[in-house]
């Protein structure tokens, strides 16, 4: 098969399309002929040599895809050859085929094309496992999303509105904020023009928000604590501005705050299957009702993976897809 290979750690130009061996299908796995693969920020970190795949994972980039099942391994009961699926991957999406545990498969939601469905798995599983399964965002509460125009951000805005939360979001341009508003964000904040802590306090009568989903890391940590309400929950899924800093941890004690952080890729197969099952039960109905929609910024041929990485590292709205 053909797959994108990282020639050496570096910029987007190190991504090359090459002929490689087909994946082997083990017990409990299926082989997918890929229709499309989602591009994620984590892929750029792996390309730079900063985010190696977990032991046993495919060496190729790509954390989600959609396609058609081409082969089924021993012990797989609920899927068959010819089924159209989307999948949460540990790697291997930037290719023509990928093998994946059957517990990480989802059916294509009604009303969504096979190609567009490639944009759903990583965002849905990340958002549901963080702000819902762990931080327990509920009806009537408030959520602050940093990076509202990212694939995670656009998905989080929509599903949070679906469950009845008030949504705050930050972005770096007024044009981006307008797009967030169109998706349902109630309060939009241009972080280049105003202090999000002050705006959150103003909008909540100094109460703060209940939950924050953060991709920024160290430079926002103190301000996130200051933006949370009594009993607030901060979930960190990225460290775009670094890992370390000096902080005043007093708000953690005074406001009884909870800080959580987790990635999705390194979780066990069993844990991923649990998340996927929850997504199927709780998120897929919202998609099939048309309340949560895939936001596709651009679709490119697989051989143009370098261009896709340039795009995701710049300003964009929603997801970027690669088509084998």
Protein backbone atom coordinates (compact mmCIF):
# COMPACT_ATOMS: atom_id res chain seq x y z
CA UNK A 1 0.00 0.00 0.00
CA UNK A 2 0.96 3.66 -0.11
CA UNK A 3 1.47 5.64 3.09
CA UNK A 4 2.98 8.92 4.23
CA UNK A 5 6.39 8.38 5.81
CA UNK A 6 8.34 10.83 7.97
CA UNK A 7 11.76 10.96 6.29
CA UNK A 8 13.31 12.57 9.38
CA UNK A 9 12.01 14.84 12.17
CA UNK A 10 11.36 18.33 10.83
CA UNK A 11 8.94 20.57 8.97
CA UNK A 12 6.09 19.54 6.67
CA UNK A 13 8.55 18.96 3.83
CA UNK A 14 9.79 15.73 5.49
CA UNK A 15 6.49 13.99 4.70
CA UNK A 16 6.80 11.62 1.73
CA UNK A 17 4.42 9.21 -0.01
CA UNK A 18 6.01 5.76 -0.26
CA UNK A 19 5.14 2.13 -0.96
CA UNK A 20 5.07 0.19 2.34
CA UNK A 21 3.91 -3.23 3.54
CA UNK A 22 0.20 -3.78 4.10
CA UNK A 23 -0.82 -3.92 7.79
CA UNK A 24 -1.31 -7.28 9.47
CA UNK A 25 -4.71 -8.02 10.98
CA UNK A 26 -4.59 -9.58 14.44
CA UNK A 27 -7.30 -11.16 16.58
CA UNK A 28 -10.00 -8.65 17.48
CA UNK A 29 -9.03 -6.28 14.66
CA UNK A 30 -10.40 -5.32 11.26
CA UNK A 31 -8.63 -4.05 8.15
CA UNK A 32 -10.05 -0.81 6.74
CA UNK A 33 -9.63 0.41 3.16
CA UNK A 34 -9.37 4.10 3.97
CA UNK A 35 -11.68 6.60 2.29
CA UNK A 36 -10.36 9.63 4.18
CA UNK A 37 -8.15 10.43 7.17
CA UNK A 38 -8.39 13.34 9.58
CA UNK A 39 -5.38 15.58 10.20
CA UNK A 40 -4.78 16.54 13.83
CA UNK A 41 -2.40 18.88 15.65
CA UNK A 42 -0.81 15.87 17.35
CA UNK A 43 0.33 14.67 13.92
CA UNK A 44 2.55 17.74 13.60
CA UNK A 45 4.18 16.96 16.95
CA UNK A 46 4.91 13.40 15.80
CA UNK A 47 6.36 14.77 12.58
CA UNK A 48 8.77 16.92 14.63
CA UNK A 49 9.86 13.91 16.71
CA UNK A 50 8.09 15.18 19.83
CA UNK A 51 5.22 12.66 20.03
CA UNK A 52 6.35 9.10 19.23
CA UNK A 53 3.69 6.41 18.72
CA UNK A 54 3.02 4.14 21.72
CA UNK A 55 4.59 0.66 21.71
CA UNK A 56 2.87 -1.59 19.18
CA UNK A 57 1.14 1.27 17.35
CA UNK A 58 1.53 1.86 13.60
CA UNK A 59 4.51 4.06 12.84
CA UNK A 60 2.58 6.12 10.32
CA UNK A 61 0.70 9.32 11.12
CA UNK A 62 -3.07 9.54 11.43
CA UNK A 63 -5.34 9.23 14.47
CA UNK A 64 -8.72 8.84 12.72
CA UNK A 65 -10.17 7.68 9.45
CA UNK A 66 -13.24 6.46 7.64
CA UNK A 67 -13.54 3.66 5.13
CA UNK A 68 -14.81 0.20 4.30
CA UNK A 69 -13.93 -2.99 6.17
CA UNK A 70 -11.83 -5.19 3.89
CA UNK A 71 -10.99 -8.05 6.29
CA UNK A 72 -12.06 -9.19 9.77
CA UNK A 73 -9.81 -10.86 12.32
CA UNK A 74 -10.69 -13.74 14.61
CA UNK A 75 -13.05 -12.89 17.46
CA UNK A 76 -14.73 -9.90 15.81
CA UNK A 77 -18.50 -10.36 16.08
CA UNK A 78 -20.30 -7.10 15.33
CA UNK A 79 -18.63 -6.07 12.08
CA UNK A 80 -18.30 -7.68 8.65
CA UNK A 81 -16.52 -7.15 5.36
CA UNK A 82 -18.16 -4.31 3.43
CA UNK A 83 -19.33 -2.31 6.46
CA UNK A 84 -18.71 1.43 6.22
CA UNK A 85 -17.09 2.74 9.40
CA UNK A 86 -15.11 5.53 10.98
CA UNK A 87 -12.39 4.69 13.46
CA UNK A 88 -10.35 6.07 16.32
CA UNK A 89 -6.74 5.08 15.56
CA UNK A 90 -3.49 4.85 17.51
CA UNK A 91 -1.77 5.68 14.22
CA UNK A 92 -1.73 4.66 10.58
CA UNK A 93 -4.43 6.87 9.08
CA UNK A 94 -2.17 8.52 6.48
CA UNK A 95 -2.30 5.41 4.31
CA UNK A 96 -4.48 3.37 1.98
CA UNK A 97 -5.24 0.73 4.63
CA UNK A 98 -5.09 0.41 8.41
CA UNK A 99 -5.72 -2.33 10.98
CA UNK A 100 -7.56 -1.31 14.14
CA UNK A 101 -9.24 -2.90 17.14
CA UNK A 102 -12.94 -3.51 16.50
CA UNK A 103 -13.78 -1.72 19.75
CA UNK A 104 -12.58 1.54 18.19
CA UNK A 105 -15.03 1.45 15.28
CA UNK A 106 -18.14 3.56 14.87
CA UNK A 107 -20.85 3.33 12.21
CA UNK A 108 -21.17 6.21 9.76
CA UNK A 109 -23.86 8.50 11.21
CA UNK A 110 -27.01 8.86 9.12
CA UNK A 111 -26.81 11.92 6.92
CA UNK A 112 -22.99 12.11 6.94
CA UNK A 113 -20.92 11.11 3.91
CA UNK A 114 -18.28 8.39 4.22
CA UNK A 115 -15.54 10.94 3.50
CA UNK A 116 -16.73 13.60 5.95
CA UNK A 117 -17.12 10.98 8.70
CA UNK A 118 -13.30 10.79 8.84
CA UNK A 119 -13.40 14.08 10.78
CA UNK A 120 -15.52 12.79 13.66
CA UNK A 121 -13.80 10.10 15.74
CA UNK A 122 -10.86 11.93 17.31
CA UNK A 123 -12.79 15.11 18.10
CA UNK A 124 -15.87 13.29 19.41
CA UNK A 125 -13.86 10.92 21.61
CA UNK A 126 -11.59 13.68 22.91
CA UNK A 127 -14.42 16.05 23.75
CA UNK A 128 -16.71 13.44 25.28
CA UNK A 129 -14.00 11.76 27.37
CA UNK A 130 -12.74 15.07 28.77
CA UNK A 131 -15.47 17.61 29.41
CA UNK A 132 -18.27 15.07 29.87
CA UNK A 133 -16.95 11.72 31.17
CA UNK A 134 -14.33 13.35 33.42
CA UNK A 135 -15.32 16.98 34.02
CA UNK A 136 -19.08 16.20 33.99
CA UNK A 137 -20.31 19.28 32.16
CA UNK A 138 -24.09 19.32 32.52
CA UNK A 139 -27.20 21.23 31.48
CA UNK A 140 -27.17 24.85 32.62
CA UNK A 141 -23.44 24.98 33.32
CA UNK A 142 -20.86 27.07 31.46
CA UNK A 143 -17.86 25.97 29.39
CA UNK A 144 -14.84 27.96 28.19
CA UNK A 145 -13.13 26.50 25.11
CA UNK A 146 -9.71 27.78 24.11
CA UNK A 147 -9.09 27.56 20.37
CA UNK A 148 -12.70 27.59 19.24
CA UNK A 149 -11.95 27.21 15.52
CA UNK A 150 -9.86 24.04 15.84
CA UNK A 151 -11.32 20.64 15.04
CA UNK A 152 -11.74 20.00 18.78
CA UNK A 153 -13.11 23.51 19.36
CA UNK A 154 -15.75 23.46 16.63
CA UNK A 155 -16.96 20.06 17.83
CA UNK A 156 -16.97 21.05 21.51
CA UNK A 157 -19.03 24.19 20.84
CA UNK A 158 -21.73 22.20 19.10
CA UNK A 159 -22.04 19.28 21.53
CA UNK A 160 -21.93 21.58 24.58
CA UNK A 161 -24.79 23.63 23.15
CA UNK A 162 -26.65 20.40 22.40
CA UNK A 163 -26.61 19.38 26.07
CA UNK A 164 -27.68 22.86 27.19
CA UNK A 165 -24.47 24.54 28.38
CA UNK A 166 -23.50 28.19 27.96
CA UNK A 167 -20.40 28.33 25.75
CA UNK A 168 -17.52 30.80 25.95
CA UNK A 169 -14.69 30.55 23.45
CA UNK A 170 -11.43 32.28 22.60
CA UNK A 171 -9.85 32.80 19.19
CA UNK A 172 -7.28 35.12 17.64
CA UNK A 173 -9.36 37.06 15.11
CA UNK A 174 -12.80 38.61 14.85
CA UNK A 175 -13.43 36.52 11.74
CA UNK A 176 -12.76 33.33 13.70
CA UNK A 177 -15.02 34.48 16.51
CA UNK A 178 -17.84 35.10 14.04
CA UNK A 179 -17.55 31.49 12.89
CA UNK A 180 -17.66 30.33 16.53
CA UNK A 181 -20.84 32.36 17.02
CA UNK A 182 -22.41 30.72 13.99
CA UNK A 183 -21.72 27.32 15.57
CA UNK A 184 -23.52 28.40 18.75
CA UNK A 185 -20.93 30.04 21.03
CA UNK A 186 -22.66 32.47 23.38
CA UNK A 187 -19.63 34.58 24.35
CA UNK A 188 -16.65 35.02 22.03
CA UNK A 189 -13.35 36.54 23.17
CA UNK A 190 -10.50 37.79 20.99
CA UNK A 191 -7.50 36.90 23.15
CA UNK A 192 -5.33 39.36 21.21
CA UNK A 193 -7.56 42.29 22.14
CA UNK A 194 -8.92 41.51 25.61
CA UNK A 195 -8.16 39.56 28.79
CA UNK A 196 -10.33 36.47 28.82
CA UNK A 197 -10.30 36.34 32.64
CA UNK A 198 -11.82 39.82 32.90
CA UNK A 199 -14.39 39.05 30.20
CA UNK A 200 -15.41 35.77 31.85
CA UNK A 201 -15.85 37.48 35.22
CA UNK A 202 -17.83 40.30 33.62
CA UNK A 203 -20.14 37.89 31.80
CA UNK A 204 -20.70 35.72 34.90
CA UNK A 205 -20.99 38.44 37.57
CA UNK A 206 -17.59 37.40 38.97
CA UNK A 207 -18.74 33.78 39.38
CA UNK A 208 -16.52 32.24 36.68
CA UNK A 209 -17.18 29.30 34.38
CA UNK A 210 -17.79 25.73 35.48
CA UNK A 211 -15.50 23.91 33.03
CA UNK A 212 -12.54 24.92 30.84
CA UNK A 213 -11.11 22.87 27.96
CA UNK A 214 -7.53 24.04 27.36
CA UNK A 215 -5.04 23.35 24.57
CA UNK A 216 -2.59 26.11 25.49
CA UNK A 217 -0.84 24.89 28.63
CA UNK A 218 1.54 26.76 30.92
CA UNK A 219 0.89 30.36 29.85
CA UNK A 220 -2.86 29.98 30.48
CA UNK A 221 -2.73 27.85 33.64
CA UNK A 222 -2.95 30.66 36.20
CA UNK A 223 -5.56 32.57 34.23
CA UNK A 224 -7.62 29.41 33.81
CA UNK A 225 -7.65 28.89 37.59
CA UNK A 226 -8.70 32.51 38.02
CA UNK A 227 -11.53 32.04 35.49
CA UNK A 228 -13.14 29.04 37.18
CA UNK A 229 -16.12 29.14 39.50
CA UNK A 230 -16.43 27.47 42.89
CA UNK A 231 -16.06 23.74 42.22
CA UNK A 232 -14.81 24.44 38.69
CA UNK A 233 -13.01 21.88 36.53
CA UNK A 234 -10.06 22.49 34.20
CA UNK A 235 -9.17 19.87 31.60
CA UNK A 236 -5.88 20.27 29.75
CA UNK A 237 -5.39 18.44 26.44
CA UNK A 238 -2.47 20.38 24.97
CA UNK A 239 0.64 22.35 25.85
CA UNK A 240 1.12 24.68 22.88
CA UNK A 241 2.95 27.27 25.06
CA UNK A 242 4.97 24.87 27.17
CA UNK A 243 4.89 22.63 30.21
CA UNK A 244 6.35 24.66 33.04
CA UNK A 245 5.84 27.92 34.88
CA UNK A 246 5.38 29.53 38.29
CA UNK A 247 1.84 29.52 39.63
CA UNK A 248 -0.24 30.56 42.62
CA UNK A 249 -2.12 27.40 43.56
CA UNK A 250 -4.26 29.15 46.16
CA UNK A 251 -7.40 29.14 43.96
CA UNK A 252 -7.29 25.33 43.84
CA UNK A 253 -7.87 25.18 47.58
CA UNK A 254 -10.10 28.20 48.04
CA UNK A 255 -12.44 27.40 45.16
CA UNK A 256 -12.17 23.58 45.44
CA UNK A 257 -11.01 23.27 41.84
CA UNK A 258 -10.20 20.10 39.93
CA UNK A 259 -7.44 20.00 37.31
CA UNK A 260 -7.26 17.05 34.93
CA UNK A 261 -5.12 16.27 31.92
CA UNK A 262 -5.08 13.33 29.54
CA UNK A 263 -4.29 12.28 26.01
CA UNK A 264 -6.34 9.84 24.00
CA UNK A 265 -3.71 8.00 21.95
CA UNK A 266 -1.87 6.30 24.82
CA UNK A 267 -4.98 4.92 26.53
CA UNK A 268 -5.57 1.19 26.60
CA UNK A 269 -7.63 -0.55 23.94
CA UNK A 270 -10.25 -1.29 26.60
CA UNK A 271 -10.47 2.33 27.70
CA UNK A 272 -10.79 3.52 24.11
CA UNK A 273 -13.58 1.01 23.51
CA UNK A 274 -15.43 2.37 26.56
CA UNK A 275 -15.10 5.93 25.26
CA UNK A 276 -16.24 4.89 21.77
CA UNK A 277 -19.30 3.16 23.25
CA UNK A 278 -20.23 6.33 25.17
CA UNK A 279 -19.75 8.45 22.05
CA UNK A 280 -22.03 6.13 20.09
CA UNK A 281 -24.73 6.39 22.77
CA UNK A 282 -24.48 10.11 23.52
CA UNK A 283 -22.90 11.95 20.58
CA UNK A 284 -24.04 10.02 17.50
CA UNK A 285 -27.73 10.89 18.12
CA UNK A 286 -26.84 14.60 18.12
CA UNK A 287 -25.03 14.19 14.79
CA UNK A 288 -27.91 12.24 13.25
CA UNK A 289 -30.34 14.94 14.44
CA UNK A 290 -28.24 17.54 12.61
CA UNK A 291 -27.36 19.35 15.84
CA UNK A 292 -23.64 18.57 15.54
CA UNK A 293 -22.08 18.73 12.09
CA UNK A 294 -18.61 17.96 10.75
CA UNK A 295 -16.85 21.21 9.88
CA UNK A 296 -14.48 20.50 6.98
CA UNK A 297 -11.96 23.21 6.14
CA UNK A 298 -10.27 21.44 3.23
CA UNK A 299 -9.81 17.99 1.70
CA UNK A 300 -6.52 17.15 -0.01
CA UNK A 301 -4.99 14.13 -1.78
CA UNK A 302 -2.86 11.94 0.50
CA UNK A 303 0.31 12.93 -1.33
CA UNK A 304 -0.34 16.54 -0.27
CA UNK A 305 0.13 15.77 3.44
CA UNK A 306 2.79 18.47 3.70
CA UNK A 307 0.28 21.09 2.57
CA UNK A 308 -2.21 19.77 5.10
CA UNK A 309 0.35 20.25 7.87
CA UNK A 310 1.04 23.81 6.74
CA UNK A 311 -2.70 24.49 6.93
CA UNK A 312 -3.26 22.98 10.37
CA UNK A 313 -0.32 24.93 11.80
CA UNK A 314 -1.89 28.15 10.52
CA UNK A 315 -5.34 29.71 10.74
CA UNK A 316 -8.14 27.34 9.82
CA UNK A 317 -11.71 26.46 10.77
CA UNK A 318 -12.54 22.86 11.59
CA UNK A 319 -10.97 19.74 10.12
CA UNK A 320 -8.56 19.01 7.30
CA UNK A 321 -8.85 15.66 5.51
CA UNK A 322 -6.48 13.55 3.42
CA UNK A 323 -7.91 11.37 0.65
CA UNK A 324 -5.91 8.28 -0.51
